[in-house]
């Protein structure tokens, strides 16, 4: 479960922080405790990003479904294409 702070993070904020966490982990030089804390934060940030992306996908799918439901020109039987 995400905290209020993580819920308030926008996608770009979470992504940018996640990039920084990964950079620090890859650079090394941190203690085991620091590495574990960074890993846990990275997991939280990845979850925030995934939630944003899933929401965006649902909105896109809904918009595309809406477009599919609307008849195109001449498809409703009474438009200018007839």
N, C-alpha and C. Protein backbone atom coordinates (compact mmCIF):
# COMPACT_ATOMS: atom_id res chain seq x y z
N UNK A 1 0.85 -1.18 0.00
CA UNK A 1 0.00 0.00 0.00
C UNK A 1 0.89 1.24 0.00
N UNK A 2 0.51 2.24 -0.79
CA UNK A 2 1.32 3.45 -0.87
C UNK A 2 0.87 4.46 0.17
N UNK A 3 1.80 5.28 0.61
CA UNK A 3 1.47 6.31 1.59
C UNK A 3 0.91 7.53 0.88
N UNK A 4 0.45 8.50 1.66
CA UNK A 4 -0.09 9.74 1.09
C UNK A 4 0.96 10.47 0.28
N UNK A 5 2.21 10.43 0.73
CA UNK A 5 3.29 11.11 0.02
C UNK A 5 3.48 10.49 -1.36
N UNK A 6 3.49 9.16 -1.43
CA UNK A 6 3.67 8.50 -2.71
C UNK A 6 2.47 8.73 -3.62
N UNK A 7 1.28 8.79 -3.06
CA UNK A 7 0.09 9.05 -3.86
C UNK A 7 0.13 10.45 -4.44
N UNK A 8 0.80 11.38 -3.74
CA UNK A 8 0.86 12.76 -4.20
C UNK A 8 1.92 12.95 -5.27
N UNK A 9 2.84 11.99 -5.42
CA UNK A 9 3.88 12.09 -6.43
C UNK A 9 3.28 11.97 -7.83
N UNK A 10 3.67 12.86 -8.69
CA UNK A 10 3.29 12.72 -10.09
C UNK A 10 4.17 11.67 -10.75
N UNK A 11 3.78 11.25 -11.93
CA UNK A 11 4.55 10.23 -12.64
C UNK A 11 5.99 10.69 -12.87
N UNK A 12 6.15 11.90 -13.39
CA UNK A 12 7.50 12.38 -13.71
C UNK A 12 8.37 12.49 -12.47
N UNK A 13 7.80 12.94 -11.36
CA UNK A 13 8.55 13.03 -10.11
C UNK A 13 9.02 11.65 -9.66
N UNK A 14 8.10 10.70 -9.67
CA UNK A 14 8.43 9.34 -9.24
C UNK A 14 9.47 8.73 -10.16
N UNK A 15 9.30 8.92 -11.46
CA UNK A 15 10.25 8.37 -12.43
C UNK A 15 11.65 8.97 -12.23
N UNK A 16 11.71 10.28 -12.07
CA UNK A 16 13.01 10.94 -11.89
C UNK A 16 13.70 10.47 -10.61
N UNK A 17 12.92 10.33 -9.53
CA UNK A 17 13.52 9.85 -8.30
C UNK A 17 13.97 8.40 -8.44
N UNK A 18 13.19 7.60 -9.14
CA UNK A 18 13.56 6.20 -9.38
C UNK A 18 14.86 6.12 -10.18
N UNK A 19 15.01 6.96 -11.17
CA UNK A 19 16.26 7.00 -11.95
C UNK A 19 17.44 7.31 -11.04
N UNK A 20 17.25 8.25 -10.13
CA UNK A 20 18.33 8.61 -9.20
C UNK A 20 18.65 7.46 -8.25
N UNK A 21 17.63 6.76 -7.78
CA UNK A 21 17.84 5.61 -6.89
C UNK A 21 18.65 4.54 -7.63
N UNK A 22 18.26 4.25 -8.86
CA UNK A 22 18.98 3.24 -9.63
C UNK A 22 20.42 3.67 -9.87
N UNK A 23 20.63 4.93 -10.19
CA UNK A 23 21.97 5.45 -10.42
C UNK A 23 22.84 5.25 -9.18
N UNK A 24 22.28 5.58 -8.01
CA UNK A 24 23.04 5.43 -6.76
C UNK A 24 23.34 3.97 -6.46
N UNK A 25 22.38 3.09 -6.72
CA UNK A 25 22.62 1.67 -6.48
C UNK A 25 23.70 1.13 -7.43
N UNK A 26 23.64 1.53 -8.68
CA UNK A 26 24.62 1.06 -9.66
C UNK A 26 26.02 1.61 -9.37
N UNK A 27 26.09 2.82 -8.82
CA UNK A 27 27.39 3.42 -8.53
C UNK A 27 28.09 2.71 -7.38
N UNK A 28 27.32 2.09 -6.51
CA UNK A 28 27.91 1.39 -5.38
C UNK A 28 28.40 2.37 -4.33
N UNK A 29 29.22 1.88 -3.42
CA UNK A 29 29.78 2.73 -2.38
C UNK A 29 28.84 3.01 -1.23
N UNK A 30 27.71 2.33 -1.18
CA UNK A 30 26.78 2.52 -0.07
C UNK A 30 26.87 1.30 0.85
N UNK A 31 26.48 1.51 2.08
CA UNK A 31 26.46 0.39 3.02
C UNK A 31 25.30 -0.54 2.66
N UNK A 32 25.33 -1.71 3.24
CA UNK A 32 24.25 -2.66 3.02
C UNK A 32 22.92 -2.05 3.44
N UNK A 33 22.91 -1.39 4.58
CA UNK A 33 21.67 -0.78 5.09
C UNK A 33 21.17 0.30 4.14
N UNK A 34 22.07 1.14 3.63
CA UNK A 34 21.69 2.19 2.68
C UNK A 34 21.19 1.58 1.37
N UNK A 35 21.86 0.54 0.92
CA UNK A 35 21.44 -0.13 -0.32
C UNK A 35 20.04 -0.73 -0.18
N UNK A 36 19.78 -1.35 0.98
CA UNK A 36 18.44 -1.92 1.20
C UNK A 36 17.38 -0.83 1.24
N UNK A 37 17.69 0.29 1.88
CA UNK A 37 16.73 1.40 1.94
C UNK A 37 16.48 1.96 0.54
N UNK A 38 17.55 2.08 -0.25
CA UNK A 38 17.38 2.56 -1.62
C UNK A 38 16.55 1.58 -2.44
N UNK A 39 16.82 0.29 -2.28
CA UNK A 39 16.06 -0.73 -3.00
C UNK A 39 14.57 -0.64 -2.65
N UNK A 40 14.27 -0.53 -1.36
CA UNK A 40 12.87 -0.44 -0.93
C UNK A 40 12.21 0.81 -1.50
N UNK A 41 12.93 1.93 -1.49
CA UNK A 41 12.37 3.17 -2.05
C UNK A 41 12.14 3.00 -3.55
N UNK A 42 13.08 2.34 -4.21
CA UNK A 42 12.91 2.08 -5.64
C UNK A 42 11.67 1.25 -5.93
N UNK A 43 11.43 0.25 -5.11
CA UNK A 43 10.23 -0.58 -5.28
C UNK A 43 8.96 0.26 -5.12
N UNK A 44 8.95 1.14 -4.12
CA UNK A 44 7.80 2.02 -3.90
C UNK A 44 7.59 2.94 -5.10
N UNK A 45 8.67 3.51 -5.58
CA UNK A 45 8.58 4.43 -6.72
C UNK A 45 8.12 3.70 -7.98
N UNK A 46 8.61 2.50 -8.18
CA UNK A 46 8.19 1.71 -9.34
C UNK A 46 6.70 1.43 -9.27
N UNK A 47 6.20 1.17 -8.07
CA UNK A 47 4.76 0.92 -7.90
C UNK A 47 3.95 2.18 -8.25
N UNK A 48 4.44 3.34 -7.82
CA UNK A 48 3.76 4.60 -8.14
C UNK A 48 3.73 4.79 -9.65
N UNK A 49 4.87 4.58 -10.31
CA UNK A 49 4.94 4.73 -11.76
C UNK A 49 3.99 3.76 -12.46
N UNK A 50 3.98 2.51 -12.00
CA UNK A 50 3.12 1.50 -12.59
C UNK A 50 1.64 1.89 -12.44
N UNK A 51 1.28 2.43 -11.28
CA UNK A 51 -0.10 2.86 -11.06
C UNK A 51 -0.48 3.97 -12.02
N UNK A 52 0.41 4.95 -12.19
CA UNK A 52 0.16 6.04 -13.14
C UNK A 52 0.00 5.51 -14.56
N UNK A 53 0.89 4.61 -14.96
CA UNK A 53 0.84 4.08 -16.32
C UNK A 53 -0.40 3.23 -16.56
N UNK A 54 -0.81 2.45 -15.55
CA UNK A 54 -2.04 1.66 -15.68
C UNK A 54 -3.25 2.58 -15.81
N UNK A 55 -3.27 3.67 -15.04
CA UNK A 55 -4.36 4.63 -15.14
C UNK A 55 -4.40 5.29 -16.51
N UNK A 56 -3.22 5.63 -17.02
CA UNK A 56 -3.16 6.24 -18.35
C UNK A 56 -3.65 5.26 -19.41
N UNK A 57 -3.26 3.99 -19.27
CA UNK A 57 -3.70 2.97 -20.24
C UNK A 57 -5.23 2.82 -20.21
N UNK A 58 -5.81 2.83 -19.02
CA UNK A 58 -7.27 2.71 -18.91
C UNK A 58 -7.96 3.90 -19.57
N UNK A 59 -7.42 5.10 -19.35
CA UNK A 59 -8.01 6.30 -19.96
C UNK A 59 -7.90 6.24 -21.48
N UNK A 60 -6.75 5.79 -21.97
CA UNK A 60 -6.55 5.67 -23.41
C UNK A 60 -7.49 4.63 -24.00
N UNK A 61 -7.60 3.48 -23.33
CA UNK A 61 -8.52 2.44 -23.81
C UNK A 61 -9.96 2.94 -23.83
N UNK A 62 -10.35 3.69 -22.80
CA UNK A 62 -11.71 4.22 -22.75
C UNK A 62 -11.94 5.22 -23.88
N UNK A 63 -10.95 6.07 -24.14
CA UNK A 63 -11.09 7.05 -25.22
C UNK A 63 -11.17 6.35 -26.58
N UNK A 64 -10.36 5.31 -26.76
CA UNK A 64 -10.40 4.57 -28.02
C UNK A 64 -11.73 3.83 -28.18
N UNK A 65 -12.25 3.29 -27.09
CA UNK A 65 -13.53 2.59 -27.15
C UNK A 65 -14.65 3.58 -27.47
N UNK A 66 -14.54 4.79 -26.93
CA UNK A 66 -15.52 5.83 -27.22
C UNK A 66 -15.51 6.17 -28.70
N UNK A 67 -14.33 6.28 -29.27
CA UNK A 67 -14.20 6.56 -30.70
C UNK A 67 -14.79 5.44 -31.53
N UNK A 68 -14.60 4.19 -31.10
CA UNK A 68 -15.15 3.06 -31.83
C UNK A 68 -16.67 3.03 -31.79
N UNK A 69 -17.26 3.54 -30.70
CA UNK A 69 -18.71 3.53 -30.54
C UNK A 69 -19.39 4.61 -31.38
N UNK A 70 -18.66 5.67 -31.71
CA UNK A 70 -19.25 6.74 -32.51
C UNK A 70 -19.18 6.38 -33.97
N UNK A 71 -20.32 6.48 -34.66
CA UNK A 71 -20.30 6.15 -36.09
C UNK A 71 -19.50 7.19 -36.87
N UNK A 72 -18.80 6.71 -37.85
CA UNK A 72 -18.04 7.60 -38.72
C UNK A 72 -18.96 8.23 -39.76
N UNK A 73 -18.43 9.07 -40.61
CA UNK A 73 -19.25 9.70 -41.66
C UNK A 73 -19.87 8.64 -42.55
N UNK A 74 -21.17 8.73 -42.72
CA UNK A 74 -21.88 7.81 -43.59
C UNK A 74 -22.19 6.46 -42.96
N UNK A 75 -21.76 6.22 -41.74
CA UNK A 75 -22.01 4.92 -41.12
C UNK A 75 -23.32 4.86 -40.37
N UNK A 76 -23.94 6.00 -40.08
CA UNK A 76 -25.18 5.97 -39.29
C UNK A 76 -26.42 5.92 -40.18
N UNK A 77 -26.23 5.87 -41.45
CA UNK A 77 -27.37 5.72 -42.33
C UNK A 77 -28.04 7.01 -42.72
N UNK A 78 -27.73 8.12 -42.04
CA UNK A 78 -28.42 9.35 -42.38
C UNK A 78 -27.47 10.52 -42.57
N UNK A 79 -26.20 10.25 -42.58
CA UNK A 79 -25.22 11.33 -42.69
C UNK A 79 -24.93 11.71 -44.12
N UNK A 80 -23.95 12.54 -44.31
CA UNK A 80 -23.63 13.07 -45.62
C UNK A 80 -23.13 12.00 -46.58
N UNK A 81 -22.71 10.85 -46.11
CA UNK A 81 -22.21 9.81 -46.99
C UNK A 81 -23.31 9.03 -47.68
N UNK A 82 -24.51 9.31 -47.36
CA UNK A 82 -25.62 8.52 -47.91
C UNK A 82 -26.29 9.19 -49.04
